[in-house]
Amino acid sequence: MAYHNELGKIGEQLAVDYLLRNDYAILERNFVYDKAEIDIIAKKETGTIVMVEVKTRNSDFFGDPQEFVTKNKIKLLVKAANEYMISNKLDEEVRFDIIAVLKNEKIENIEHFKNAFYHF
């Protein structure tokens, strides 16, 4: 497995652990629809489903991890979130969060950006 794939899996697990510590229930991981993948689907508050995009980097030299969520990625996430809600017959609010993970031999930093972007 390529290093960036391995780092991504580590980052996703760190994000899941973080969410569980903060009283979120994990509903699904790696939900795929069409060309989109939602890393984590979670729930904390009644009436709100949280779609979480995890961005993991080993350095912030080229920018913070959350800066790598593009407009095209947002469109794909919204499309996949819509499919998840319809296929599971859920009628709840949807929130899009980003969890940015900076992880290397010296640093392990997790930042949670709630309502990171809005669907349109």
C-alpha atoms as a PDB file:
ATOM      1  CA  MET A   1       0.000   0.000   0.000  1.00  0.00           C
ATOM      2  CA  ALA A   2       1.304   3.452  -0.890  1.00  0.00           C
ATOM      3  CA  TYR A   3       2.387   5.663   2.001  1.00  0.00           C
ATOM      4  CA  HIS A   4      -0.282   8.314   1.332  1.00  0.00           C
ATOM      5  CA  ASN A   5      -3.006   5.634   1.408  1.00  0.00           C
ATOM      6  CA  GLU A   6      -1.655   4.269   4.671  1.00  0.00           C
ATOM      7  CA  LEU A   7      -1.474   7.786   6.136  1.00  0.00           C
ATOM      8  CA  GLY A   8      -5.064   8.400   5.033  1.00  0.00           C
ATOM      9  CA  LYS A   9      -6.274   5.260   6.813  1.00  0.00           C
ATOM     10  CA  ILE A  10      -4.386   6.279   9.961  1.00  0.00           C
ATOM     11  CA  GLY A  11      -5.953   9.743   9.777  1.00  0.00           C
ATOM     12  CA  GLU A  12      -9.450   8.305   9.356  1.00  0.00           C
ATOM     13  CA  GLN A  13      -8.986   6.056  12.373  1.00  0.00           C
ATOM     14  CA  LEU A  14      -7.717   8.989  14.452  1.00  0.00           C
ATOM     15  CA  ALA A  15     -10.799  10.965  13.348  1.00  0.00           C
ATOM     16  CA  VAL A  16     -13.140   8.107  14.326  1.00  0.00           C
ATOM     17  CA  ASP A  17     -11.436   7.813  17.722  1.00  0.00           C
ATOM     18  CA  TYR A  18     -11.760  11.586  18.194  1.00  0.00           C
ATOM     19  CA  LEU A  19     -15.471  11.539  17.315  1.00  0.00           C
ATOM     20  CA  LEU A  20     -16.162   8.618  19.650  1.00  0.00           C
ATOM     21  CA  ARG A  21     -14.374  10.425  22.501  1.00  0.00           C
ATOM     22  CA  ASN A  22     -16.658  13.389  21.827  1.00  0.00           C
ATOM     23  CA  ASP A  23     -19.883  11.374  22.046  1.00  0.00           C
ATOM     24  CA  TYR A  24     -20.584  10.901  18.337  1.00  0.00           C
ATOM     25  CA  ALA A  25     -22.093   7.655  17.097  1.00  0.00           C
ATOM     26  CA  ILE A  26     -20.449   6.364  13.925  1.00  0.00           C
ATOM     27  CA  LEU A  27     -23.170   5.337  11.484  1.00  0.00           C
ATOM     28  CA  GLU A  28     -20.969   4.403   8.552  1.00  0.00           C
ATOM     29  CA  ARG A  29     -17.429   4.622   7.238  1.00  0.00           C
ATOM     30  CA  ASN A  30     -16.303   5.002   3.638  1.00  0.00           C
ATOM     31  CA  PHE A  31     -19.764   5.359   2.094  1.00  0.00           C
ATOM     32  CA  VAL A  32     -19.316   5.328  -1.679  1.00  0.00           C
ATOM     33  CA  TYR A  33     -21.756   6.628  -4.254  1.00  0.00           C
ATOM     34  CA  ASP A  34     -20.839   7.200  -7.879  1.00  0.00           C
ATOM     35  CA  LYS A  35     -17.390   8.859  -7.761  1.00  0.00           C
ATOM     36  CA  ALA A  36     -17.756  10.187  -4.229  1.00  0.00           C
ATOM     37  CA  GLU A  37     -16.761   8.779  -0.874  1.00  0.00           C
ATOM     38  CA  ILE A  38     -17.863  10.098   2.494  1.00  0.00           C
ATOM     39  CA  ASP A  39     -15.169   9.156   4.976  1.00  0.00           C
ATOM     40  CA  ILE A  40     -17.354   9.102   8.094  1.00  0.00           C
ATOM     41  CA  ILE A  41     -21.079   9.472   8.663  1.00  0.00           C
ATOM     42  CA  ALA A  42     -21.847  10.224  12.291  1.00  0.00           C
ATOM     43  CA  LYS A  43     -24.524  11.494  14.617  1.00  0.00           C
ATOM     44  CA  LYS A  44     -24.349  13.340  17.904  1.00  0.00           C
ATOM     45  CA  GLU A  45     -27.415  15.499  18.207  1.00  0.00           C
ATOM     46  CA  THR A  46     -30.921  14.287  17.582  1.00  0.00           C
ATOM     47  CA  GLY A  47     -32.043  15.379  14.155  1.00  0.00           C
ATOM     48  CA  THR A  48     -28.593  15.969  12.618  1.00  0.00           C
ATOM     49  CA  ILE A  49     -26.511  13.637  10.478  1.00  0.00           C
ATOM     50  CA  VAL A  50     -22.861  14.688  10.198  1.00  0.00           C
ATOM     51  CA  MET A  51     -20.950  13.973   6.992  1.00  0.00           C
ATOM     52  CA  VAL A  52     -17.237  14.106   7.774  1.00  0.00           C
ATOM     53  CA  GLU A  53     -14.433  14.587   5.277  1.00  0.00           C
ATOM     54  CA  VAL A  54     -11.065  13.637   6.759  1.00  0.00           C
ATOM     55  CA  LYS A  55      -7.940  15.267   5.349  1.00  0.00           C
ATOM     56  CA  THR A  56      -4.626  13.923   6.574  1.00  0.00           C
ATOM     57  CA  ARG A  57      -1.193  15.322   5.849  1.00  0.00           C
ATOM     58  CA  ASN A  58       2.238  14.666   7.313  1.00  0.00           C
ATOM     59  CA  SER A  59       3.243  18.319   6.944  1.00  0.00           C
ATOM     60  CA  ASP A  60       1.569  21.699   6.605  1.00  0.00           C
ATOM     61  CA  PHE A  61       4.333  22.911   4.287  1.00  0.00           C
ATOM     62  CA  PHE A  62       1.945  23.153   1.326  1.00  0.00           C
ATOM     63  CA  GLY A  63      -1.006  24.328   3.442  1.00  0.00           C
ATOM     64  CA  ASP A  64      -3.332  23.118   6.139  1.00  0.00           C
ATOM     65  CA  PRO A  65      -5.083  19.803   5.416  1.00  0.00           C
ATOM     66  CA  GLN A  66      -8.567  21.349   5.322  1.00  0.00           C
ATOM     67  CA  GLU A  67      -7.501  23.632   2.475  1.00  0.00           C
ATOM     68  CA  PHE A  68      -7.404  20.595   0.169  1.00  0.00           C
ATOM     69  CA  VAL A  69     -11.193  20.158   0.095  1.00  0.00           C
ATOM     70  CA  THR A  70     -11.988  21.520  -3.368  1.00  0.00           C
ATOM     71  CA  LYS A  71     -15.268  22.818  -4.790  1.00  0.00           C
ATOM     72  CA  ASN A  72     -15.485  19.698  -6.934  1.00  0.00           C
ATOM     73  CA  LYS A  73     -14.993  17.492  -3.858  1.00  0.00           C
ATOM     74  CA  ILE A  74     -17.759  19.410  -2.076  1.00  0.00           C
ATOM     75  CA  LYS A  75     -20.152  18.782  -4.990  1.00  0.00           C
ATOM     76  CA  LEU A  76     -19.364  15.070  -4.902  1.00  0.00           C
ATOM     77  CA  LEU A  77     -19.822  14.915  -1.114  1.00  0.00           C
ATOM     78  CA  VAL A  78     -23.192  16.642  -1.353  1.00  0.00           C
ATOM     79  CA  LYS A  79     -24.281  14.197  -4.063  1.00  0.00           C
ATOM     80  CA  ALA A  80     -23.222  11.198  -1.964  1.00  0.00           C
ATOM     81  CA  ALA A  81     -24.827  12.643   1.174  1.00  0.00           C
ATOM     82  CA  ASN A  82     -28.088  13.107  -0.690  1.00  0.00           C
ATOM     83  CA  GLU A  83     -27.991   9.468  -1.823  1.00  0.00           C
ATOM     84  CA  TYR A  84     -27.229   8.266   1.705  1.00  0.00           C
ATOM     85  CA  MET A  85     -30.169  10.196   3.132  1.00  0.00           C
ATOM     86  CA  ILE A  86     -32.588   8.974   0.438  1.00  0.00           C
ATOM     87  CA  SER A  87     -31.459   5.336   0.453  1.00  0.00           C
ATOM     88  CA  ASN A  88     -31.742   5.200   4.261  1.00  0.00           C
ATOM     89  CA  LYS A  89     -35.059   7.089   4.281  1.00  0.00           C
ATOM     90  CA  LEU A  90     -33.710   9.696   6.676  1.00  0.00           C
ATOM     91  CA  ASP A  91     -35.424  13.042   7.121  1.00  0.00           C
ATOM     92  CA  GLU A  92     -32.910  14.931   9.251  1.00  0.00           C
ATOM     93  CA  GLU A  93     -30.652  17.934   8.920  1.00  0.00           C
ATOM     94  CA  VAL A  94     -27.260  17.312   7.316  1.00  0.00           C
ATOM     95  CA  ARG A  95     -24.076  18.996   8.470  1.00  0.00           C
ATOM     96  CA  PHE A  96     -20.752  18.834   6.650  1.00  0.00           C
ATOM     97  CA  ASP A  97     -17.626  18.804   8.819  1.00  0.00           C
ATOM     98  CA  ILE A  98     -13.940  18.500   8.059  1.00  0.00           C
ATOM     99  CA  ILE A  99     -11.505  16.823  10.378  1.00  0.00           C
ATOM    100  CA  ALA A 100      -7.956  17.881   9.567  1.00  0.00           C
ATOM    101  CA  VAL A 101      -5.227  15.548  10.790  1.00  0.00           C
ATOM    102  CA  LEU A 102      -1.568  16.501  10.841  1.00  0.00           C
ATOM    103  CA  LYS A 103       0.418  13.362  11.651  1.00  0.00           C
ATOM    104  CA  ASN A 104       4.091  12.549  11.471  1.00  0.00           C
ATOM    105  CA  GLU A 105       6.761  11.171  13.813  1.00  0.00           C
ATOM    106  CA  LYS A 106       6.755  14.327  15.959  1.00  0.00           C
ATOM    107  CA  ILE A 107       3.223  15.720  15.614  1.00  0.00           C
ATOM    108  CA  GLU A 108      -0.304  14.408  15.960  1.00  0.00           C
ATOM    109  CA  ASN A 109      -2.808  17.218  15.689  1.00  0.00           C
ATOM    110  CA  ILE A 110      -6.545  16.931  15.042  1.00  0.00           C
ATOM    111  CA  GLU A 111      -8.787  19.900  14.231  1.00  0.00           C
ATOM    112  CA  HIS A 112     -12.550  19.581  13.845  1.00  0.00           C
ATOM    113  CA  PHE A 113     -14.262  22.154  11.643  1.00  0.00           C
ATOM    114  CA  LYS A 114     -18.016  21.971  12.187  1.00  0.00           C
ATOM    115  CA  ASN A 115     -20.244  23.319   9.414  1.00  0.00           C
ATOM    116  CA  ALA A 116     -17.139  23.535   7.248  1.00  0.00           C
ATOM    117  CA  PHE A 117     -19.196  24.157   4.129  1.00  0.00           C
ATOM    118  CA  TYR A 118     -22.827  24.351   3.153  1.00  0.00           C
ATOM    119  CA  HIS A 119     -24.598  22.404   0.492  1.00  0.00           C
ATOM    120  CA  PHE A 120     -26.075  24.381  -2.346  1.00  0.00           C
END
